[in-house]
């Protein structure tokens, strides 16, 4: 009888133990039961997602910038100032090389230099054009006679005259298109000896040096600009001789 009672008591205790343990929540259940757990998990997940997206976007922008910079170098365009690199500019065509648009370069002085993005602060300041209360980088080389007198202006290379007109601020202007992608621009002229559509040879007379409203302080001079596929290039970097 006692043995039977002992067995019955043990079974009852075991049943209570099982029921008690099943009724008692586990540590994980107690953790997730807290109100702040799920909001905190959501916020952490959102932060991770935003970080990943930001890193991917930054990587994409960096790659795109490198591609743009690389394409600019391949096309002969400097990263700063959008000026064509002299090494990439064809300064010769049909057996001709670019020349100064005057008879005697040594008899003339530079009244306003080309704006060099790699120059010193003083050089950059000296190559700024002031007009109408604004300062603009000078994209050409201006030549003037030492005695202040007028002089002939000639074609720097053979080509077709695509512009020959009088402008309000630049005086008379001539533009000549050449077969190698270059275009030469002559401004501050006092008169024109060519018209649009003319085919000119290197050294042909196209006008005479004069004055312009834009660069009035320089007096009599010629504004000589060289474009390579629309980009301004320092003429002195392309011209090897001084004639």
Protein backbone atom coordinates (compact mmCIF):
# COMPACT_ATOMS: atom_id res chain seq x y z
CA UNK A 1 0.00 0.00 0.00
CA UNK A 2 2.79 2.37 0.91
CA UNK A 3 4.56 1.52 -2.32
CA UNK A 4 1.44 2.36 -4.25
CA UNK A 5 1.08 5.68 -2.46
CA UNK A 6 4.72 6.56 -3.13
CA UNK A 7 4.33 5.87 -6.84
CA UNK A 8 1.16 7.94 -6.99
CA UNK A 9 2.90 10.85 -5.21
CA UNK A 10 5.90 10.73 -7.55
CA UNK A 11 3.66 10.74 -10.60
CA UNK A 12 1.78 13.76 -9.25
CA UNK A 13 5.03 15.62 -8.52
CA UNK A 14 6.38 14.82 -11.97
CA UNK A 15 3.15 16.09 -13.56
CA UNK A 16 3.37 19.33 -11.57
CA UNK A 17 6.99 19.76 -12.62
CA UNK A 18 6.12 19.33 -16.30
CA UNK A 19 3.18 21.69 -16.09
CA UNK A 20 5.27 24.26 -14.21
CA UNK A 21 8.09 24.12 -16.70
CA UNK A 22 5.74 24.42 -19.70
CA UNK A 23 3.95 27.31 -18.11
CA UNK A 24 7.22 29.16 -17.40
CA UNK A 25 8.26 31.22 -20.51
CA UNK A 26 11.75 30.75 -21.93
CA UNK A 27 14.42 33.52 -21.85
CA UNK A 28 13.91 34.35 -25.58
CA UNK A 29 10.15 34.61 -25.11
CA UNK A 30 10.66 36.94 -22.16
CA UNK A 31 13.12 39.03 -24.27
CA UNK A 32 10.77 39.39 -27.24
CA UNK A 33 7.88 40.13 -24.96
CA UNK A 34 9.43 43.49 -24.07
CA UNK A 35 7.81 46.44 -25.89
CA UNK A 36 11.03 48.12 -26.99
CA UNK A 37 12.57 45.06 -28.67
CA UNK A 38 10.83 45.11 -32.07
CA UNK A 39 11.07 48.90 -32.61
CA UNK A 40 14.77 48.70 -31.81
CA UNK A 41 15.26 45.83 -34.26
CA UNK A 42 13.40 47.74 -36.99
CA UNK A 43 15.51 50.83 -36.43
CA UNK A 44 18.73 48.82 -36.56
CA UNK A 45 17.67 47.11 -39.79
CA UNK A 46 16.73 50.43 -41.35
CA UNK A 47 20.09 51.93 -40.40
CA UNK A 48 21.91 49.00 -42.02
CA UNK A 49 19.87 49.33 -45.23
CA UNK A 50 20.49 53.09 -45.46
CA UNK A 51 24.23 52.58 -44.90
CA UNK A 52 24.43 49.96 -47.66
CA UNK A 53 22.53 52.18 -50.11
CA UNK A 54 24.76 55.17 -49.28
CA UNK A 55 27.93 53.16 -49.81
CA UNK A 56 26.67 51.87 -53.17
CA UNK A 57 25.69 55.37 -54.30
CA UNK A 58 29.08 56.80 -53.28
CA UNK A 59 30.87 54.05 -55.13
CA UNK A 60 28.78 54.68 -58.24
CA UNK A 61 29.43 58.44 -58.18
CA UNK A 62 33.16 57.88 -57.75
CA UNK A 63 33.25 55.48 -60.69
CA UNK A 64 31.24 57.88 -62.84
CA UNK A 65 33.57 60.77 -61.96
CA UNK A 66 36.60 58.69 -62.86
CA UNK A 67 35.00 57.77 -66.19
CA UNK A 68 34.24 61.41 -66.99
CA UNK A 69 37.75 62.50 -66.03
CA UNK A 70 39.24 59.73 -68.11
CA UNK A 71 37.16 60.62 -71.15
CA UNK A 72 38.22 64.27 -70.79
CA UNK A 73 41.90 63.33 -70.83
CA UNK A 74 41.41 61.04 -73.81
CA UNK A 75 39.76 63.87 -75.72
CA UNK A 76 42.64 66.24 -74.96
CA UNK A 77 40.63 68.42 -72.60
CA UNK A 78 42.22 69.55 -69.36
CA UNK A 79 40.32 68.79 -66.17
CA UNK A 80 40.51 72.41 -65.03
CA UNK A 81 39.33 75.31 -67.12
CA UNK A 82 38.16 73.16 -70.06
CA UNK A 83 41.17 74.19 -72.14
CA UNK A 84 42.46 71.79 -74.76
CA UNK A 85 45.83 70.20 -74.02
CA UNK A 86 48.53 71.50 -76.43
CA UNK A 87 49.94 67.99 -76.84
CA UNK A 88 46.58 66.79 -78.19
CA UNK A 89 46.00 69.69 -80.62
CA UNK A 90 46.98 69.24 -84.28
CA UNK A 91 48.78 72.55 -84.96
CA UNK A 92 49.66 71.63 -88.56
CA UNK A 93 47.62 70.88 -91.67
CA UNK A 94 48.38 70.48 -95.37
CA UNK A 95 52.06 71.10 -94.75
CA UNK A 96 51.40 74.31 -92.77
CA UNK A 97 52.04 75.06 -89.13
CA UNK A 98 50.17 77.70 -87.17
CA UNK A 99 51.86 81.13 -87.22
CA UNK A 100 51.37 84.49 -85.56
CA UNK A 101 48.92 86.68 -87.53
CA UNK A 102 51.47 89.48 -88.04
CA UNK A 103 54.47 90.20 -90.24
CA UNK A 104 56.99 90.70 -87.44
CA UNK A 105 56.08 89.19 -84.07
CA UNK A 106 59.23 90.57 -82.43
CA UNK A 107 58.13 94.13 -83.15
CA UNK A 108 54.97 93.62 -81.08
CA UNK A 109 54.32 93.23 -77.38
CA UNK A 110 51.71 91.18 -75.52
CA UNK A 111 49.19 93.67 -74.18
CA UNK A 112 47.00 91.01 -72.57
CA UNK A 113 48.14 87.38 -72.04
CA UNK A 114 46.22 84.12 -72.23
CA UNK A 115 44.59 82.98 -68.97
CA UNK A 116 46.54 79.93 -67.79
CA UNK A 117 44.63 77.84 -65.25
CA UNK A 118 47.95 76.46 -64.00
CA UNK A 119 49.58 79.88 -63.67
CA UNK A 120 50.39 81.78 -60.50
CA UNK A 121 47.85 84.06 -58.85
CA UNK A 122 49.64 87.09 -60.32
CA UNK A 123 49.61 85.59 -63.82
CA UNK A 124 45.92 84.80 -63.56
CA UNK A 125 45.12 88.29 -62.31
CA UNK A 126 47.05 89.82 -65.23
CA UNK A 127 44.99 87.77 -67.70
CA UNK A 128 41.54 88.94 -66.60
CA UNK A 129 39.36 91.20 -68.75
CA UNK A 130 37.31 93.80 -66.93
CA UNK A 131 34.16 94.91 -68.72
CA UNK A 132 30.77 96.08 -67.53
CA UNK A 133 31.79 95.58 -63.88
CA UNK A 134 32.68 91.94 -64.52
CA UNK A 135 35.99 90.08 -64.69
CA UNK A 136 36.41 87.35 -67.32
CA UNK A 137 39.42 85.07 -68.05
CA UNK A 138 41.13 86.12 -71.27
CA UNK A 139 41.01 83.27 -73.80
CA UNK A 140 43.39 84.79 -76.33
CA UNK A 141 46.68 86.66 -76.71
CA UNK A 142 46.45 90.35 -77.53
CA UNK A 143 49.31 91.87 -79.53
CA UNK A 144 50.05 95.58 -79.80
CA UNK A 145 52.79 97.59 -81.48
CA UNK A 146 55.33 99.17 -79.17
CA UNK A 147 54.71 102.59 -80.72
CA UNK A 148 50.92 102.29 -80.50
CA UNK A 149 50.43 102.41 -84.26
CA UNK A 150 48.20 100.18 -86.38
CA UNK A 151 49.62 97.13 -88.20
CA UNK A 152 48.46 94.50 -90.67
CA UNK A 153 46.72 91.37 -89.44
CA UNK A 154 47.18 88.21 -91.50
CA UNK A 155 45.72 84.71 -91.63
CA UNK A 156 47.60 82.44 -89.23
CA UNK A 157 46.82 79.41 -91.39
CA UNK A 158 44.96 78.66 -94.62
CA UNK A 159 41.24 78.05 -94.35
CA UNK A 160 37.71 79.31 -94.93
CA UNK A 161 36.40 82.58 -93.53
CA UNK A 162 33.27 81.67 -91.54
CA UNK A 163 32.77 85.03 -89.78
CA UNK A 164 33.57 88.52 -91.05
CA UNK A 165 31.50 91.16 -89.31
CA UNK A 166 31.44 94.16 -87.03
CA UNK A 167 30.38 93.55 -83.43
CA UNK A 168 29.29 96.06 -80.77
CA UNK A 169 32.02 95.27 -78.22
CA UNK A 170 34.78 93.44 -80.15
CA UNK A 171 35.19 95.72 -83.15
CA UNK A 172 35.53 94.02 -86.53
CA UNK A 173 35.91 90.26 -86.15
CA UNK A 174 37.13 87.49 -88.46
CA UNK A 175 37.00 83.76 -87.83
CA UNK A 176 38.80 81.26 -90.07
CA UNK A 177 38.05 77.54 -89.99
CA UNK A 178 40.98 75.23 -90.75
CA UNK A 179 40.94 71.58 -91.92
CA UNK A 180 42.57 70.21 -88.77
CA UNK A 181 39.79 71.11 -86.32
CA UNK A 182 41.27 74.50 -85.46
CA UNK A 183 39.53 77.84 -85.73
CA UNK A 184 41.42 81.12 -85.43
CA UNK A 185 39.66 84.26 -84.21
CA UNK A 186 40.80 87.84 -84.87
CA UNK A 187 39.06 90.68 -83.01
CA UNK A 188 39.58 94.40 -82.37
CA UNK A 189 40.14 94.97 -86.08
CA UNK A 190 39.78 98.45 -87.56
CA UNK A 191 38.77 97.18 -90.99
CA UNK A 192 38.14 93.98 -92.95
CA UNK A 193 39.86 92.77 -96.10
CA UNK A 194 37.88 89.52 -96.37
CA UNK A 195 34.26 88.41 -96.34
CA UNK A 196 32.40 85.32 -95.19
CA UNK A 197 32.97 82.35 -97.52
CA UNK A 198 36.41 83.48 -98.73
CA UNK A 199 39.18 80.91 -98.98
CA UNK A 200 42.37 82.46 -97.64
CA UNK A 201 45.97 81.32 -97.67
CA UNK A 202 48.34 81.55 -94.76
CA UNK A 203 49.75 85.08 -94.64
CA UNK A 204 46.90 86.70 -96.58
CA UNK A 205 45.87 90.12 -95.32
CA UNK A 206 42.53 89.97 -93.48
CA UNK A 207 42.43 93.37 -91.76
CA UNK A 208 44.25 95.93 -89.62
CA UNK A 209 44.70 96.20 -85.86
CA UNK A 210 42.28 98.56 -84.15
CA UNK A 211 40.41 99.06 -80.90
CA UNK A 212 37.39 97.50 -79.22
CA UNK A 213 34.88 98.46 -76.57
CA UNK A 214 35.61 95.27 -74.64
CA UNK A 215 39.37 95.94 -74.36
CA UNK A 216 39.40 99.70 -74.70
CA UNK A 217 42.28 100.21 -72.25
CA UNK A 218 44.69 98.35 -74.56
CA UNK A 219 44.45 100.85 -77.37
CA UNK A 220 45.33 99.61 -80.86
CA UNK A 221 45.85 95.84 -80.84
CA UNK A 222 44.68 92.52 -82.29
CA UNK A 223 42.91 89.91 -80.20
CA UNK A 224 44.20 86.53 -81.48
CA UNK A 225 42.37 83.43 -80.27
CA UNK A 226 42.76 79.74 -81.20
CA UNK A 227 39.98 77.20 -80.73
CA UNK A 228 40.41 73.44 -80.93
CA UNK A 229 37.00 71.79 -81.34
CA UNK A 230 35.47 74.77 -79.56
CA UNK A 231 37.97 74.81 -76.70
CA UNK A 232 40.34 77.77 -76.20
CA UNK A 233 44.04 76.99 -76.50
CA UNK A 234 47.04 79.16 -75.65
CA UNK A 235 48.34 80.23 -79.10
CA UNK A 236 51.94 80.44 -77.87
CA UNK A 237 51.84 76.74 -76.95
CA UNK A 238 51.13 75.82 -80.58
CA UNK A 239 53.29 78.27 -82.50
CA UNK A 240 56.90 77.15 -82.76
CA UNK A 241 58.31 80.04 -84.74
CA UNK A 242 58.03 83.75 -84.03
CA UNK A 243 57.52 84.96 -87.59
